[in-house]
C-alpha atoms as a PDB file:
ATOM      1  CA  MET A   1       0.034  -0.014   0.046  1.00  0.00           C
ATOM      2  CA  THR A   2       1.399   3.397  -0.967  1.00  0.00           C
ATOM      3  CA  PRO A   3       1.795   6.213   1.618  1.00  0.00           C
ATOM      4  CA  LEU A   4      -0.888   8.160  -0.283  1.00  0.00           C
ATOM      5  CA  LYS A   5      -3.315   5.349  -0.012  1.00  0.00           C
ATOM      6  CA  ARG A   6      -2.578   5.175   3.663  1.00  0.00           C
ATOM      7  CA  LEU A   7      -3.109   8.835   4.066  1.00  0.00           C
ATOM      8  CA  ARG A   8      -6.428   8.688   2.248  1.00  0.00           C
ATOM      9  CA  GLY A   9      -7.472   5.889   4.460  1.00  0.00           C
ATOM     10  CA  LEU A  10      -6.500   7.717   7.639  1.00  0.00           C
ATOM     11  CA  ARG A  11      -8.428  10.835   6.395  1.00  0.00           C
ATOM     12  CA  ALA A  12     -11.488   8.768   5.763  1.00  0.00           C
ATOM     13  CA  LEU A  13     -11.195   7.008   9.181  1.00  0.00           C
ATOM     14  CA  VAL A  14     -10.802  10.193  11.052  1.00  0.00           C
ATOM     15  CA  GLN A  15     -13.611  11.937   9.211  1.00  0.00           C
ATOM     16  CA  ASP A  16     -15.884   9.054   9.715  1.00  0.00           C
ATOM     17  CA  ALA A  17     -15.032   8.966  13.447  1.00  0.00           C
ATOM     18  CA  VAL A  18     -15.760  12.534  13.874  1.00  0.00           C
ATOM     19  CA  GLU A  19     -18.956  12.426  11.911  1.00  0.00           C
ATOM     20  CA  HIS A  20     -20.406   9.376  13.757  1.00  0.00           C
ATOM     21  CA  GLY A  21     -18.819  10.338  17.078  1.00  0.00           C
ATOM     22  CA  SER A  22     -20.313  13.809  17.155  1.00  0.00           C
ATOM     23  CA  SER A  23     -23.722  12.374  16.285  1.00  0.00           C
ATOM     24  CA  ALA A  24     -23.475   9.852  19.024  1.00  0.00           C
ATOM     25  CA  VAL A  25     -22.423  12.547  21.567  1.00  0.00           C
ATOM     26  CA  GLU A  26     -25.201  14.842  20.410  1.00  0.00           C
ATOM     27  CA  LYS A  27     -27.766  12.181  21.177  1.00  0.00           C
ATOM     28  CA  VAL A  28     -26.380  11.565  24.581  1.00  0.00           C
ATOM     29  CA  HIS A  29     -26.229  15.323  25.217  1.00  0.00           C
ATOM     30  CA  LEU A  30     -29.879  15.830  24.351  1.00  0.00           C
ATOM     31  CA  ALA A  31     -30.958  12.801  26.237  1.00  0.00           C
ATOM     32  CA  THR A  32     -29.121  13.789  29.386  1.00  0.00           C
ATOM     33  CA  ALA A  33     -30.426  17.368  29.224  1.00  0.00           C
ATOM     34  CA  SER A  34     -33.988  16.091  28.723  1.00  0.00           C
ATOM     35  CA  ARG A  35     -34.174  14.710  32.254  1.00  0.00           C
ATOM     36  CA  PRO A  36     -33.966  18.046  34.143  1.00  0.00           C
ATOM     37  CA  PHE A  37     -36.158  19.788  31.468  1.00  0.00           C
ATOM     38  CA  ARG A  38     -38.915  17.089  32.007  1.00  0.00           C
ATOM     39  CA  ILE A  39     -38.823  17.616  35.727  1.00  0.00           C
ATOM     40  CA  LEU A  40     -38.857  21.487  35.439  1.00  0.00           C
ATOM     41  CA  GLN A  41     -41.703  21.274  32.863  1.00  0.00           C
ATOM     42  CA  ALA A  42     -43.826  19.454  35.347  1.00  0.00           C
ATOM     43  CA  ILE A  43     -43.908  22.512  37.636  1.00  0.00           C
ATOM     44  CA  PRO A  44     -46.800  24.470  36.407  1.00  0.00           C
ATOM     45  CA  PRO A  45     -45.619  27.975  37.116  1.00  0.00           C
ATOM     46  CA  ILE A  46     -42.437  27.631  35.250  1.00  0.00           C
ATOM     47  CA  SER A  47     -43.426  25.057  32.583  1.00  0.00           C
ATOM     48  CA  GLY A  48     -43.957  27.655  29.815  1.00  0.00           C
ATOM     49  CA  PRO A  49     -40.618  29.320  30.186  1.00  0.00           C
ATOM     50  CA  VAL A  50     -38.823  26.023  30.527  1.00  0.00           C
ATOM     51  CA  ARG A  51     -40.261  24.788  27.305  1.00  0.00           C
ATOM     52  CA  VAL A  52     -38.927  27.931  25.502  1.00  0.00           C
ATOM     53  CA  ILE A  53     -35.470  27.470  27.108  1.00  0.00           C
ATOM     54  CA  ARG A  54     -35.470  23.815  26.126  1.00  0.00           C
ATOM     55  CA  VAL A  55     -36.302  24.646  22.460  1.00  0.00           C
ATOM     56  CA  VAL A  56     -33.473  27.216  22.458  1.00  0.00           C
ATOM     57  CA  HIS A  57     -31.109  24.751  24.213  1.00  0.00           C
ATOM     58  CA  ASP A  58     -31.943  21.891  21.735  1.00  0.00           C
ATOM     59  CA  LEU A  59     -31.483  24.119  18.716  1.00  0.00           C
ATOM     60  CA  SER A  60     -28.154  25.371  20.080  1.00  0.00           C
ATOM     61  CA  VAL A  61     -26.998  21.845  20.696  1.00  0.00           C
ATOM     62  CA  ALA A  62     -27.990  20.711  17.223  1.00  0.00           C
ATOM     63  CA  SER A  63     -26.351  23.771  15.706  1.00  0.00           C
ATOM     64  CA  VAL A  64     -23.070  23.250  17.532  1.00  0.00           C
ATOM     65  CA  TYR A  65     -22.872  19.380  16.556  1.00  0.00           C
ATOM     66  CA  GLY A  66     -24.055  20.257  13.028  1.00  0.00           C
ATOM     67  CA  SER A  67     -21.226  22.790  12.724  1.00  0.00           C
ATOM     68  CA  ILE A  68     -18.724  20.218  13.944  1.00  0.00           C
ATOM     69  CA  ARG A  69     -19.872  17.842  11.276  1.00  0.00           C
ATOM     70  CA  LEU A  70     -19.913  20.664   8.622  1.00  0.00           C
ATOM     71  CA  VAL A  71     -16.288  21.607   9.403  1.00  0.00           C
ATOM     72  CA  ASN A  72     -15.296  18.021   9.437  1.00  0.00           C
ATOM     73  CA  ARG A  73     -16.649  17.509   5.888  1.00  0.00           C
ATOM     74  CA  ALA A  74     -14.980  20.717   4.721  1.00  0.00           C
ATOM     75  CA  VAL A  75     -11.634  19.648   6.146  1.00  0.00           C
ATOM     76  CA  GLY A  76     -12.064  16.183   4.565  1.00  0.00           C
ATOM     77  CA  THR A  77     -12.684  17.692   1.172  1.00  0.00           C
ATOM     78  CA  VAL A  78      -9.610  20.001   1.457  1.00  0.00           C
ATOM     79  CA  LEU A  79      -7.413  17.090   2.493  1.00  0.00           C
ATOM     80  CA  GLU A  80      -8.720  15.019  -0.404  1.00  0.00           C
ATOM     81  CA  VAL A  81      -7.975  17.904  -2.881  1.00  0.00           C
ATOM     82  CA  ALA A  82      -4.580  18.264  -1.310  1.00  0.00           C
ATOM     83  CA  LEU A  83      -3.905  14.491  -1.641  1.00  0.00           C
ATOM     84  CA  ASP A  84      -5.026  14.660  -5.291  1.00  0.00           C
ATOM     85  CA  ALA A  85      -2.607  17.378  -5.987  1.00  0.00           C
ATOM     86  CA  VAL A  86       0.214  15.560  -4.362  1.00  0.00           C
ATOM     87  CA  GLU A  87      -0.599  12.489  -6.266  1.00  0.00           C
ATOM     88  CA  GLU A  88      -0.621  14.410  -9.590  1.00  0.00           C
ATOM     89  CA  ALA A  89       2.590  15.902  -8.908  1.00  0.00           C
ATOM     90  CA  HIS A  90       4.138  12.541  -7.965  1.00  0.00           C
ATOM     91  CA  ASP A  91       2.748  10.968 -11.148  1.00  0.00           C
ATOM     92  CA  ALA A  92       3.730  13.766 -13.559  1.00  0.00           C
ATOM     93  CA  PRO A  93       6.780  12.890 -15.677  1.00  0.00           C
ATOM     94  CA  PRO A  94      10.018  14.658 -14.716  1.00  0.00           C
ATOM     95  CA  GLY A  95      10.299  18.169 -16.287  1.00  0.00           C
ATOM     96  CA  SER A  96       6.482  18.395 -17.002  1.00  0.00           C
ATOM     97  CA  ASP A  97       4.419  21.460 -16.238  1.00  0.00           C
ATOM     98  CA  GLU A  98       2.556  19.442 -13.552  1.00  0.00           C
ATOM     99  CA  GLN A  99       5.798  18.869 -11.504  1.00  0.00           C
ATOM    100  CA  SER A 100       6.898  22.444 -11.603  1.00  0.00           C
ATOM    101  CA  ARG A 101       3.600  23.843 -10.149  1.00  0.00           C
END
């Protein structure tokens, strides 16, 4: 296996781990936060405001973990383009325009 193939595999492995790991942590985060919200929502005088706070919390959590996944995909794409450029430069015949770039 070539070093570039290993790097591509490592990139895919790390990107996949961040993608699935952040989704798993998000689910645990929301499930853990739901317990105190359920208790507080059972108290009539504060149930309305707690509902609003929970919606804001849940949207914020979804936004943060979604941003992590978005950045992860962007970094993965940039790395793949960089690896393609390295591979092209490596495969170009000596003295060609591709190698001098």
